[in-house]
Amino acid sequence: MAYSVVWHEKTVEDLRKLDRTISGKIIERIKNHLSLDPEKLGKPLKGVLKGLHRYRWGDYRIIYSIDMTENRISILYIGHRKDVYR
């Protein structure tokens, strides 16, 4: 069963900063892959970001949380791997 995807308003701004082709591919990847099995495809984060997950697509990282009770993932941040954890 696919999870519904909720986009944080900051994430929309992050996508607008990226090249259109890259942001389009990231959106497609989230809708067609990550939303199907976010636990298996993502990796749980540690430390300060504990409780969140990350999904890797090339040099970009997608930080998200999973709500199992409502079958929903919330996309919190998208960015280049060198900047995403700051």
N, C-alpha and C. Protein backbone atom coordinates (compact mmCIF):
# COMPACT_ATOMS: atom_id res chain seq x y z
N MET A 1 0.84 -1.17 0.00
CA MET A 1 0.00 0.00 0.00
C MET A 1 0.89 1.24 0.00
N ALA A 2 0.57 2.18 -0.85
CA ALA A 2 1.36 3.40 -0.96
C ALA A 2 1.02 4.38 0.16
N TYR A 3 2.02 5.06 0.63
CA TYR A 3 1.85 6.08 1.65
C TYR A 3 1.52 7.40 0.96
N SER A 4 0.72 8.22 1.59
CA SER A 4 0.47 9.55 1.06
C SER A 4 1.68 10.43 1.39
N VAL A 5 1.94 11.40 0.56
CA VAL A 5 3.11 12.26 0.72
C VAL A 5 2.65 13.66 1.09
N VAL A 6 3.22 14.20 2.18
CA VAL A 6 2.94 15.56 2.62
C VAL A 6 4.23 16.35 2.47
N TRP A 7 4.15 17.47 1.79
CA TRP A 7 5.33 18.31 1.54
C TRP A 7 5.35 19.47 2.52
N HIS A 8 6.42 19.60 3.26
CA HIS A 8 6.61 20.74 4.15
C HIS A 8 6.86 21.97 3.27
N GLU A 9 6.39 23.14 3.68
CA GLU A 9 6.53 24.35 2.84
C GLU A 9 8.00 24.69 2.59
N LYS A 10 8.88 24.38 3.52
CA LYS A 10 10.31 24.62 3.33
C LYS A 10 10.86 23.73 2.20
N THR A 11 10.31 22.54 2.09
CA THR A 11 10.75 21.61 1.05
C THR A 11 10.41 22.13 -0.33
N VAL A 12 9.26 22.76 -0.47
CA VAL A 12 8.87 23.33 -1.75
C VAL A 12 9.88 24.41 -2.15
N GLU A 13 10.32 25.22 -1.20
CA GLU A 13 11.34 26.23 -1.47
C GLU A 13 12.66 25.57 -1.86
N ASP A 14 13.01 24.48 -1.19
CA ASP A 14 14.24 23.76 -1.52
C ASP A 14 14.21 23.26 -2.96
N LEU A 15 13.07 22.73 -3.38
CA LEU A 15 12.94 22.22 -4.74
C LEU A 15 13.04 23.34 -5.78
N ARG A 16 12.50 24.50 -5.47
CA ARG A 16 12.56 25.63 -6.40
C ARG A 16 13.99 26.12 -6.62
N LYS A 17 14.85 25.92 -5.65
CA LYS A 17 16.24 26.34 -5.76
C LYS A 17 17.05 25.41 -6.67
N LEU A 18 16.56 24.19 -6.86
CA LEU A 18 17.27 23.22 -7.68
C LEU A 18 16.92 23.40 -9.15
N ASP A 19 17.74 22.82 -10.00
CA ASP A 19 17.48 22.78 -11.43
C ASP A 19 16.15 22.05 -11.67
N ARG A 20 15.38 22.49 -12.65
CA ARG A 20 14.05 21.90 -12.89
C ARG A 20 14.11 20.41 -13.19
N THR A 21 15.08 19.99 -13.96
CA THR A 21 15.15 18.56 -14.29
C THR A 21 15.45 17.73 -13.05
N ILE A 22 16.34 18.22 -12.21
CA ILE A 22 16.68 17.50 -10.98
C ILE A 22 15.48 17.46 -10.04
N SER A 23 14.83 18.61 -9.83
CA SER A 23 13.68 18.63 -8.92
C SER A 23 12.54 17.76 -9.44
N GLY A 24 12.34 17.73 -10.75
CA GLY A 24 11.31 16.87 -11.33
C GLY A 24 11.60 15.40 -11.10
N LYS A 25 12.86 15.03 -11.25
CA LYS A 25 13.25 13.63 -11.03
C LYS A 25 13.13 13.24 -9.56
N ILE A 26 13.44 14.17 -8.67
CA ILE A 26 13.30 13.89 -7.24
C ILE A 26 11.83 13.70 -6.87
N ILE A 27 10.97 14.56 -7.37
CA ILE A 27 9.54 14.43 -7.10
C ILE A 27 9.02 13.10 -7.63
N GLU A 28 9.41 12.75 -8.85
CA GLU A 28 8.99 11.49 -9.44
C GLU A 28 9.49 10.30 -8.61
N ARG A 29 10.72 10.38 -8.15
CA ARG A 29 11.30 9.30 -7.35
C ARG A 29 10.55 9.13 -6.02
N ILE A 30 10.17 10.24 -5.41
CA ILE A 30 9.43 10.17 -4.15
C ILE A 30 8.06 9.54 -4.38
N LYS A 31 7.36 9.99 -5.41
CA LYS A 31 6.00 9.49 -5.66
C LYS A 31 5.98 8.04 -6.13
N ASN A 32 6.96 7.63 -6.95
CA ASN A 32 6.92 6.30 -7.55
C ASN A 32 7.71 5.24 -6.79
N HIS A 33 8.62 5.65 -5.90
CA HIS A 33 9.42 4.67 -5.20
C HIS A 33 9.31 4.80 -3.68
N LEU A 34 9.67 5.95 -3.17
CA LEU A 34 9.71 6.14 -1.72
C LEU A 34 8.35 5.96 -1.07
N SER A 35 7.30 6.42 -1.73
CA SER A 35 5.97 6.32 -1.13
C SER A 35 5.46 4.88 -1.04
N LEU A 36 6.07 3.97 -1.78
CA LEU A 36 5.64 2.58 -1.74
C LEU A 36 6.16 1.83 -0.52
N ASP A 37 7.40 2.10 -0.11
CA ASP A 37 7.96 1.41 1.05
C ASP A 37 9.04 2.29 1.70
N PRO A 38 8.63 3.32 2.44
CA PRO A 38 9.60 4.27 2.99
C PRO A 38 10.51 3.68 4.06
N GLU A 39 10.06 2.66 4.75
CA GLU A 39 10.92 2.06 5.79
C GLU A 39 12.07 1.27 5.17
N LYS A 40 11.77 0.52 4.15
CA LYS A 40 12.78 -0.32 3.52
C LYS A 40 13.76 0.49 2.68
N LEU A 41 13.27 1.50 1.97
CA LEU A 41 14.13 2.26 1.06
C LEU A 41 14.97 3.31 1.77
N GLY A 42 14.47 3.85 2.87
CA GLY A 42 15.19 4.89 3.60
C GLY A 42 16.07 4.32 4.68
N LYS A 43 16.90 5.18 5.22
CA LYS A 43 17.79 4.79 6.31
C LYS A 43 17.46 5.65 7.52
N PRO A 44 17.29 5.03 8.70
CA PRO A 44 17.02 5.84 9.90
C PRO A 44 18.24 6.67 10.28
N LEU A 45 18.00 7.88 10.73
CA LEU A 45 19.08 8.77 11.12
C LEU A 45 19.34 8.64 12.61
N LYS A 46 20.53 9.07 13.02
CA LYS A 46 20.95 8.96 14.41
C LYS A 46 21.21 10.35 14.99
N GLY A 47 21.48 10.38 16.27
CA GLY A 47 21.85 11.62 16.93
C GLY A 47 20.70 12.59 17.05
N VAL A 48 20.95 13.84 16.71
CA VAL A 48 19.95 14.89 16.82
C VAL A 48 18.75 14.62 15.90
N LEU A 49 18.99 13.97 14.79
CA LEU A 49 17.93 13.70 13.81
C LEU A 49 17.26 12.34 14.02
N LYS A 50 17.45 11.75 15.17
CA LYS A 50 16.86 10.44 15.46
C LYS A 50 15.34 10.52 15.33
N GLY A 51 14.76 9.51 14.72
CA GLY A 51 13.32 9.50 14.48
C GLY A 51 12.98 9.87 13.05
N LEU A 52 13.94 10.43 12.34
CA LEU A 52 13.76 10.78 10.93
C LEU A 52 14.49 9.76 10.07
N HIS A 53 14.17 9.78 8.79
CA HIS A 53 14.82 8.89 7.83
C HIS A 53 15.40 9.72 6.69
N ARG A 54 16.32 9.10 5.97
CA ARG A 54 16.84 9.76 4.78
C ARG A 54 16.79 8.80 3.61
N TYR A 55 16.53 9.35 2.45
CA TYR A 55 16.52 8.60 1.20
C TYR A 55 17.55 9.24 0.30
N ARG A 56 18.39 8.43 -0.29
CA ARG A 56 19.47 8.94 -1.12
C ARG A 56 19.10 8.82 -2.59
N TRP A 57 19.25 9.91 -3.32
CA TRP A 57 19.09 9.90 -4.76
C TRP A 57 20.27 10.67 -5.35
N GLY A 58 21.25 9.96 -5.86
CA GLY A 58 22.45 10.60 -6.39
C GLY A 58 23.17 11.38 -5.31
N ASP A 59 23.44 12.65 -5.58
CA ASP A 59 24.11 13.51 -4.61
C ASP A 59 23.12 14.23 -3.70
N TYR A 60 21.86 13.91 -3.81
CA TYR A 60 20.83 14.59 -3.03
C TYR A 60 20.26 13.68 -1.96
N ARG A 61 19.83 14.29 -0.86
CA ARG A 61 19.24 13.55 0.25
C ARG A 61 17.85 14.11 0.53
N ILE A 62 16.95 13.22 0.83
CA ILE A 62 15.58 13.58 1.18
C ILE A 62 15.37 13.16 2.62
N ILE A 63 15.11 14.12 3.49
CA ILE A 63 14.89 13.86 4.90
C ILE A 63 13.37 13.83 5.12
N TYR A 64 12.89 12.77 5.76
CA TYR A 64 11.44 12.62 5.93
C TYR A 64 11.12 11.88 7.23
N SER A 65 9.87 12.00 7.63
CA SER A 65 9.37 11.25 8.78
C SER A 65 8.24 10.36 8.30
N ILE A 66 8.03 9.27 9.03
CA ILE A 66 6.99 8.30 8.68
C ILE A 66 5.94 8.27 9.77
N ASP A 67 4.68 8.40 9.38
CA ASP A 67 3.55 8.26 10.30
C ASP A 67 2.83 6.97 9.92
N MET A 68 3.12 5.91 10.67
CA MET A 68 2.56 4.58 10.36
C MET A 68 1.06 4.50 10.58
N THR A 69 0.55 5.24 11.55
CA THR A 69 -0.88 5.14 11.85
C THR A 69 -1.74 5.72 10.73
N GLU A 70 -1.22 6.74 10.05
CA GLU A 70 -1.99 7.38 8.98
C GLU A 70 -1.44 7.06 7.60
N ASN A 71 -0.45 6.15 7.52
CA ASN A 71 0.18 5.79 6.24
C ASN A 71 0.59 7.05 5.47
N ARG A 72 1.41 7.85 6.12
CA ARG A 72 1.81 9.13 5.54
C ARG A 72 3.29 9.35 5.77
N ILE A 73 3.97 9.90 4.77
CA ILE A 73 5.34 10.35 4.96
C ILE A 73 5.36 11.87 4.76
N SER A 74 6.11 12.53 5.61
CA SER A 74 6.25 13.99 5.52
C SER A 74 7.66 14.30 5.05
N ILE A 75 7.75 14.95 3.90
CA ILE A 75 9.05 15.33 3.35
C ILE A 75 9.44 16.64 4.02
N LEU A 76 10.54 16.62 4.76
CA LEU A 76 10.93 17.77 5.57
C LEU A 76 12.03 18.62 4.95
N TYR A 77 12.95 17.98 4.24
CA TYR A 77 14.07 18.73 3.67
C TYR A 77 14.65 17.96 2.50
N ILE A 78 15.03 18.68 1.47
CA ILE A 78 15.72 18.11 0.31
C ILE A 78 16.92 18.98 0.03
N GLY A 79 18.07 18.37 -0.10
CA GLY A 79 19.26 19.16 -0.38
C GLY A 79 20.43 18.30 -0.82
N HIS A 80 21.49 18.98 -1.25
CA HIS A 80 22.71 18.31 -1.65
C HIS A 80 23.34 17.65 -0.43
N ARG A 81 24.00 16.56 -0.62
CA ARG A 81 24.54 15.78 0.50
C ARG A 81 25.52 16.56 1.36
N LYS A 82 26.20 17.56 0.79
CA LYS A 82 27.16 18.33 1.58
C LYS A 82 26.48 19.32 2.52
N ASP A 83 25.23 19.66 2.26
CA ASP A 83 24.53 20.67 3.07
C ASP A 83 23.37 20.13 3.89
N VAL A 84 22.87 18.97 3.58
CA VAL A 84 21.58 18.53 4.11
C VAL A 84 21.58 18.29 5.62
N TYR A 85 22.68 17.90 6.21
CA TYR A 85 22.68 17.57 7.64
C TYR A 85 23.06 18.73 8.54
N ARG A 86 23.28 19.90 7.99
CA ARG A 86 23.68 21.07 8.79
C ARG A 86 22.49 21.74 9.42
